[in-house]
């Protein structure tokens, strides 16, 4: 599976193992904001770990629906879509974009941005 597809499936909590093949010790995930998820996650285990934390916190309800994917000639991938789920009885449905720098088929830096940061921070607070 290509890197973009693997990232989308991992955010949909469907397939962490294919994403793992596109990460290494130099891969970095940046989650901006003041939520409990905010910060930098370096390396395959840390990145997969935070995605599993997200899945666990939502009782497996987290779902990502990509609506646009664009790969520039410079190796920058942008995926936009809707992230939805439920945490502690609170529903969430936010627009997110992922900007990822690729080195071949390996992610170097991934940033998750949410259009509604207060809703994101409240969900993961």
N, C-alpha and C. Protein backbone atom coordinates (compact mmCIF):
# COMPACT_ATOMS: atom_id res chain seq x y z
N UNK A 1 0.85 -1.17 0.00
CA UNK A 1 0.00 0.00 0.00
C UNK A 1 0.89 1.23 0.00
N UNK A 2 0.49 2.27 -0.72
CA UNK A 2 1.28 3.49 -0.77
C UNK A 2 1.20 4.25 0.55
N UNK A 3 2.11 5.22 0.74
CA UNK A 3 2.20 5.95 1.99
C UNK A 3 0.91 6.71 2.31
N UNK A 4 0.31 7.37 1.32
CA UNK A 4 -0.92 8.13 1.55
C UNK A 4 -2.04 7.22 2.01
N UNK A 5 -2.23 6.10 1.34
CA UNK A 5 -3.27 5.16 1.72
C UNK A 5 -3.04 4.59 3.10
N UNK A 6 -1.79 4.31 3.44
CA UNK A 6 -1.46 3.77 4.76
C UNK A 6 -1.77 4.77 5.86
N UNK A 7 -1.48 6.04 5.60
CA UNK A 7 -1.75 7.07 6.60
C UNK A 7 -3.25 7.21 6.82
N UNK A 8 -4.02 7.23 5.76
CA UNK A 8 -5.48 7.35 5.87
C UNK A 8 -6.06 6.16 6.62
N UNK A 9 -5.60 4.95 6.30
CA UNK A 9 -6.13 3.75 6.97
C UNK A 9 -5.74 3.74 8.45
N UNK A 10 -4.56 4.24 8.78
CA UNK A 10 -4.14 4.28 10.18
C UNK A 10 -5.00 5.27 10.96
N UNK A 11 -5.31 6.43 10.37
CA UNK A 11 -6.17 7.40 11.04
C UNK A 11 -7.58 6.87 11.20
N UNK A 12 -7.96 5.99 10.32
CA UNK A 12 -9.27 5.35 10.43
C UNK A 12 -9.20 4.19 11.41
N UNK A 13 -8.06 4.01 12.03
CA UNK A 13 -7.81 2.97 13.02
C UNK A 13 -8.00 1.57 12.44
N UNK A 14 -7.89 1.46 11.12
CA UNK A 14 -8.11 0.17 10.47
C UNK A 14 -6.84 -0.62 10.26
N UNK A 15 -5.70 0.07 10.10
CA UNK A 15 -4.50 -0.66 9.70
C UNK A 15 -3.24 0.06 10.15
N UNK A 16 -2.82 -0.22 11.37
CA UNK A 16 -1.59 0.39 11.87
C UNK A 16 -0.36 -0.27 11.26
N UNK A 17 -0.45 -1.55 10.92
CA UNK A 17 0.72 -2.27 10.45
C UNK A 17 1.23 -1.75 9.11
N UNK A 18 0.33 -1.35 8.21
CA UNK A 18 0.83 -0.83 6.93
C UNK A 18 1.50 0.53 7.11
N UNK A 19 1.00 1.35 8.04
CA UNK A 19 1.64 2.63 8.31
C UNK A 19 3.04 2.41 8.88
N UNK A 20 3.19 1.40 9.71
CA UNK A 20 4.47 1.11 10.34
C UNK A 20 5.58 0.94 9.31
N UNK A 21 5.25 0.38 8.16
CA UNK A 21 6.23 0.19 7.10
C UNK A 21 6.68 1.48 6.44
N UNK A 22 5.98 2.58 6.71
CA UNK A 22 6.33 3.89 6.14
C UNK A 22 6.93 4.82 7.20
N UNK A 23 7.28 4.25 8.35
CA UNK A 23 7.88 5.02 9.45
C UNK A 23 9.22 4.41 9.82
N UNK A 24 10.11 5.24 10.35
CA UNK A 24 11.36 4.74 10.91
C UNK A 24 11.71 5.59 12.13
N UNK A 25 12.91 5.42 12.66
CA UNK A 25 13.30 6.15 13.87
C UNK A 25 13.41 7.66 13.68
N UNK A 26 13.52 8.13 12.43
CA UNK A 26 13.61 9.56 12.14
C UNK A 26 12.26 10.20 11.87
N UNK A 27 11.21 9.39 11.73
CA UNK A 27 9.87 9.91 11.47
C UNK A 27 9.39 10.72 12.68
N UNK A 28 8.67 11.80 12.41
CA UNK A 28 8.18 12.68 13.47
C UNK A 28 6.72 13.03 13.21
N UNK A 29 5.89 12.90 14.22
CA UNK A 29 4.50 13.35 14.18
C UNK A 29 4.38 14.55 15.10
N UNK A 30 3.85 15.65 14.56
CA UNK A 30 3.63 16.86 15.36
C UNK A 30 2.12 17.08 15.47
N UNK A 31 1.64 17.18 16.71
CA UNK A 31 0.24 17.47 16.99
C UNK A 31 0.19 18.80 17.72
N UNK A 32 -0.19 19.88 17.02
CA UNK A 32 -0.24 21.19 17.67
C UNK A 32 -1.42 21.28 18.63
N UNK A 33 -1.39 22.27 19.47
CA UNK A 33 -2.51 22.52 20.36
C UNK A 33 -2.18 22.24 21.81
N UNK A 34 -3.18 22.45 22.65
CA UNK A 34 -3.01 22.32 24.10
C UNK A 34 -3.66 21.07 24.66
N UNK A 35 -4.08 20.18 23.78
CA UNK A 35 -4.76 18.97 24.24
C UNK A 35 -3.76 18.00 24.85
N UNK A 36 -4.28 16.92 25.40
CA UNK A 36 -3.44 15.86 25.94
C UNK A 36 -2.61 15.15 24.89
N UNK A 37 -2.94 15.38 23.61
CA UNK A 37 -2.16 14.79 22.52
C UNK A 37 -1.10 15.74 21.97
N UNK A 38 -1.17 17.01 22.34
CA UNK A 38 -0.26 18.01 21.79
C UNK A 38 1.19 17.65 22.04
N UNK A 39 2.02 17.85 21.01
CA UNK A 39 3.44 17.60 21.16
C UNK A 39 4.02 16.89 19.96
N UNK A 40 5.27 16.47 20.11
CA UNK A 40 5.99 15.77 19.06
C UNK A 40 6.20 14.32 19.46
N UNK A 41 6.06 13.44 18.47
CA UNK A 41 6.24 12.00 18.68
C UNK A 41 7.29 11.53 17.67
N UNK A 42 8.43 11.09 18.17
CA UNK A 42 9.57 10.72 17.34
C UNK A 42 9.67 9.20 17.23
N UNK A 43 9.72 8.70 16.02
CA UNK A 43 9.94 7.28 15.79
C UNK A 43 8.67 6.46 15.62
N UNK A 44 8.85 5.32 15.02
CA UNK A 44 7.74 4.41 14.69
C UNK A 44 6.89 4.07 15.92
N UNK A 45 7.51 3.63 17.01
CA UNK A 45 6.76 3.18 18.18
C UNK A 45 5.97 4.32 18.81
N UNK A 46 6.56 5.50 18.89
CA UNK A 46 5.87 6.64 19.49
C UNK A 46 4.66 7.06 18.64
N UNK A 47 4.83 7.07 17.33
CA UNK A 47 3.74 7.49 16.44
C UNK A 47 2.60 6.47 16.48
N UNK A 48 2.93 5.22 16.35
CA UNK A 48 1.89 4.18 16.42
C UNK A 48 1.24 4.20 17.80
N UNK A 49 2.03 4.46 18.83
CA UNK A 49 1.49 4.52 20.19
C UNK A 49 0.45 5.60 20.37
N UNK A 50 0.69 6.80 19.85
CA UNK A 50 -0.29 7.88 20.01
C UNK A 50 -1.54 7.59 19.20
N UNK A 51 -1.41 6.98 18.04
CA UNK A 51 -2.60 6.61 17.27
C UNK A 51 -3.42 5.55 18.00
N UNK A 52 -2.74 4.63 18.66
CA UNK A 52 -3.46 3.62 19.46
C UNK A 52 -4.13 4.26 20.68
N UNK A 53 -3.48 5.26 21.26
CA UNK A 53 -4.10 6.01 22.37
C UNK A 53 -5.39 6.67 21.92
N UNK A 54 -5.36 7.26 20.70
CA UNK A 54 -6.55 7.90 20.16
C UNK A 54 -7.67 6.88 19.97
N UNK A 55 -7.33 5.72 19.44
CA UNK A 55 -8.32 4.66 19.22
C UNK A 55 -8.90 4.19 20.55
N UNK A 56 -8.04 3.99 21.54
CA UNK A 56 -8.51 3.53 22.84
C UNK A 56 -9.39 4.54 23.55
N UNK A 57 -9.03 5.82 23.45
CA UNK A 57 -9.79 6.88 24.12
C UNK A 57 -11.19 7.04 23.54
N UNK A 58 -11.36 6.64 22.30
CA UNK A 58 -12.67 6.76 21.65
C UNK A 58 -13.40 5.42 21.60
N UNK A 59 -12.90 4.44 22.30
CA UNK A 59 -13.54 3.14 22.32
C UNK A 59 -13.66 2.52 20.93
N UNK A 60 -12.70 2.83 20.08
CA UNK A 60 -12.70 2.28 18.73
C UNK A 60 -13.67 2.95 17.77
N UNK A 61 -14.26 4.09 18.17
CA UNK A 61 -15.22 4.76 17.29
C UNK A 61 -14.59 5.74 16.32
N UNK A 62 -13.30 6.00 16.46
CA UNK A 62 -12.65 7.00 15.62
C UNK A 62 -12.66 6.56 14.16
N UNK A 63 -13.08 7.47 13.29
CA UNK A 63 -13.19 7.19 11.86
C UNK A 63 -12.65 8.38 11.08
N UNK A 64 -11.82 8.11 10.08
CA UNK A 64 -11.28 9.17 9.22
C UNK A 64 -11.79 8.95 7.80
N UNK A 65 -12.36 9.99 7.24
CA UNK A 65 -12.86 9.93 5.87
C UNK A 65 -12.12 11.00 5.05
N UNK A 66 -11.19 10.55 4.23
CA UNK A 66 -10.40 11.47 3.41
C UNK A 66 -11.27 11.99 2.27
N UNK A 67 -11.15 13.29 1.98
CA UNK A 67 -11.87 13.83 0.83
C UNK A 67 -10.96 14.43 -0.21
N UNK A 68 -9.67 14.58 0.11
CA UNK A 68 -8.72 15.08 -0.88
C UNK A 68 -7.31 14.66 -0.51
N UNK A 69 -6.55 14.28 -1.51
CA UNK A 69 -5.15 13.91 -1.32
C UNK A 69 -4.36 14.57 -2.43
N UNK A 70 -3.25 15.20 -2.06
CA UNK A 70 -2.42 15.86 -3.05
C UNK A 70 -0.95 15.61 -2.69
N UNK A 71 -0.17 15.19 -3.68
CA UNK A 71 1.26 14.98 -3.48
C UNK A 71 2.00 15.93 -4.41
N UNK A 72 2.79 16.83 -3.82
CA UNK A 72 3.54 17.79 -4.64
C UNK A 72 4.79 17.14 -5.21
N UNK A 73 5.38 17.81 -6.15
CA UNK A 73 6.63 17.31 -6.74
C UNK A 73 7.77 17.34 -5.74
N UNK A 74 7.61 18.08 -4.68
CA UNK A 74 8.67 18.16 -3.65
C UNK A 74 8.52 17.09 -2.58
N UNK A 75 7.58 16.18 -2.77
CA UNK A 75 7.41 15.10 -1.80
C UNK A 75 6.60 15.47 -0.59
N UNK A 76 5.75 16.50 -0.70
CA UNK A 76 4.89 16.90 0.41
C UNK A 76 3.48 16.41 0.11
N UNK A 77 2.97 15.59 1.01
CA UNK A 77 1.65 15.02 0.88
C UNK A 77 0.68 15.80 1.76
N UNK A 78 -0.47 16.16 1.20
CA UNK A 78 -1.53 16.80 2.00
C UNK A 78 -2.78 15.96 1.86
N UNK A 79 -3.32 15.55 2.99
CA UNK A 79 -4.56 14.79 3.04
C UNK A 79 -5.53 15.59 3.89
N UNK A 80 -6.71 15.86 3.37
CA UNK A 80 -7.75 16.52 4.15
C UNK A 80 -8.94 15.60 4.27
N UNK A 81 -9.67 15.75 5.34
CA UNK A 81 -10.85 14.93 5.53
C UNK A 81 -11.54 15.22 6.85
N UNK A 82 -12.46 14.34 7.21
CA UNK A 82 -13.25 14.48 8.43
C UNK A 82 -12.88 13.37 9.41
N UNK A 83 -12.62 13.76 10.63
CA UNK A 83 -12.35 12.83 11.70
C UNK A 83 -13.56 12.86 12.62
N UNK A 84 -14.12 11.69 12.88
CA UNK A 84 -15.30 11.64 13.74
C UNK A 84 -15.16 10.50 14.73
N UNK A 85 -15.89 10.60 15.78
CA UNK A 85 -15.87 9.57 16.81
C UNK A 85 -16.60 10.05 18.04
N UNK A 86 -16.48 9.30 19.12
CA UNK A 86 -17.12 9.64 20.38
C UNK A 86 -16.13 9.37 21.50
N UNK A 87 -16.07 10.31 22.42
CA UNK A 87 -15.24 10.12 23.61
C UNK A 87 -16.03 10.56 24.83
N UNK A 88 -16.15 9.68 25.80
CA UNK A 88 -16.89 9.99 27.02
C UNK A 88 -18.30 10.50 26.71
N UNK A 89 -18.94 9.91 25.72
CA UNK A 89 -20.30 10.29 25.35
C UNK A 89 -20.40 11.56 24.53
N UNK A 90 -19.26 12.19 24.24
CA UNK A 90 -19.26 13.43 23.46
C UNK A 90 -18.90 13.12 22.02
N UNK A 91 -19.78 13.46 21.08
CA UNK A 91 -19.45 13.22 19.67
C UNK A 91 -18.48 14.29 19.17
N UNK A 92 -17.67 13.90 18.22
CA UNK A 92 -16.74 14.84 17.57
C UNK A 92 -16.80 14.61 16.07
N UNK A 93 -16.78 15.70 15.36
CA UNK A 93 -16.70 15.63 13.90
C UNK A 93 -15.97 16.90 13.48
N UNK A 94 -14.70 16.75 13.13
CA UNK A 94 -13.87 17.91 12.79
C UNK A 94 -13.17 17.68 11.46
N UNK A 95 -12.89 18.79 10.80
CA UNK A 95 -12.11 18.75 9.57
C UNK A 95 -10.63 18.80 9.94
N UNK A 96 -9.86 17.88 9.41
CA UNK A 96 -8.44 17.85 9.68
C UNK A 96 -7.66 17.83 8.38
N UNK A 97 -6.45 18.31 8.46
CA UNK A 97 -5.52 18.18 7.34
C UNK A 97 -4.22 17.64 7.88
N UNK A 98 -3.62 16.80 7.07
CA UNK A 98 -2.33 16.21 7.42
C UNK A 98 -1.34 16.65 6.37
N UNK A 99 -0.29 17.26 6.80
CA UNK A 99 0.81 17.61 5.91
C UNK A 99 1.96 16.70 6.26
N UNK A 100 2.45 15.98 5.27
CA UNK A 100 3.50 15.01 5.52
C UNK A 100 4.61 15.14 4.50
N UNK A 101 5.82 15.18 4.98
CA UNK A 101 6.99 15.19 4.11
C UNK A 101 7.45 13.76 3.94
N UNK A 102 7.64 13.36 2.70
CA UNK A 102 8.06 12.00 2.38
C UNK A 102 9.50 11.97 1.90
N UNK A 103 10.19 10.91 2.26
CA UNK A 103 11.51 10.60 1.73
C UNK A 103 11.33 9.24 1.06
N UNK A 104 11.02 9.25 -0.23
CA UNK A 104 10.62 8.03 -0.91
C UNK A 104 9.24 7.65 -0.42
N UNK A 105 9.12 6.51 0.24
CA UNK A 105 7.85 6.07 0.82
C UNK A 105 7.87 6.11 2.36
N UNK A 106 8.86 6.83 2.93
CA UNK A 106 8.98 6.94 4.38
C UNK A 106 8.61 8.34 4.81
N UNK A 107 7.73 8.44 5.81
CA UNK A 107 7.36 9.75 6.35
C UNK A 107 8.48 10.31 7.19
N UNK A 108 8.83 11.56 6.96
CA UNK A 108 9.82 12.26 7.77
C UNK A 108 9.13 13.12 8.81
N UNK A 109 8.13 13.88 8.41
CA UNK A 109 7.39 14.74 9.34
C UNK A 109 5.93 14.75 8.94
N UNK A 110 5.08 14.51 9.92
CA UNK A 110 3.63 14.55 9.72
C UNK A 110 3.08 15.56 10.73
N UNK A 111 2.25 16.47 10.26
CA UNK A 111 1.58 17.42 11.14
C UNK A 111 0.08 17.26 10.97
N UNK A 112 -0.62 17.09 12.08
CA UNK A 112 -2.08 17.01 12.06
C UNK A 112 -2.61 18.38 12.47
N UNK A 113 -3.38 19.01 11.60
CA UNK A 113 -4.01 20.30 11.89
C UNK A 113 -5.51 20.12 11.90
N UNK A 114 -6.18 20.75 12.84
CA UNK A 114 -7.63 20.68 12.93
C UNK A 114 -8.21 22.06 12.67
N UNK A 115 -9.28 22.11 11.87
CA UNK A 115 -9.92 23.39 11.56
C UNK A 115 -10.58 24.01 12.79
N UNK A 116 -10.97 23.18 13.74
CA UNK A 116 -11.62 23.66 14.95
C UNK A 116 -10.78 23.22 16.15
N UNK A 117 -9.72 23.97 16.41
CA UNK A 117 -8.78 23.61 17.47
C UNK A 117 -9.44 23.52 18.83
N UNK A 118 -10.36 24.43 19.22
CA UNK A 118 -11.01 24.27 20.53
C UNK A 118 -11.75 22.93 20.66
N UNK A 119 -12.43 22.49 19.60
CA UNK A 119 -13.14 21.21 19.65
C UNK A 119 -12.14 20.06 19.77
N UNK A 120 -11.04 20.16 19.05
CA UNK A 120 -9.98 19.13 19.09
C UNK A 120 -9.39 19.05 20.49
N UNK A 121 -9.03 20.23 21.03
CA UNK A 121 -8.43 20.26 22.36
C UNK A 121 -9.40 19.75 23.43
N UNK A 122 -10.69 20.05 23.28
CA UNK A 122 -11.69 19.58 24.23
C UNK A 122 -11.83 18.06 24.16
N UNK A 123 -11.79 17.51 22.96
CA UNK A 123 -11.93 16.08 22.80
C UNK A 123 -10.76 15.34 23.45
N UNK A 124 -9.55 15.84 23.24
CA UNK A 124 -8.37 15.13 23.72
C UNK A 124 -7.82 15.70 25.02
N UNK A 125 -8.53 16.67 25.62
CA UNK A 125 -8.06 17.34 26.84
C UNK A 125 -7.88 16.48 28.03
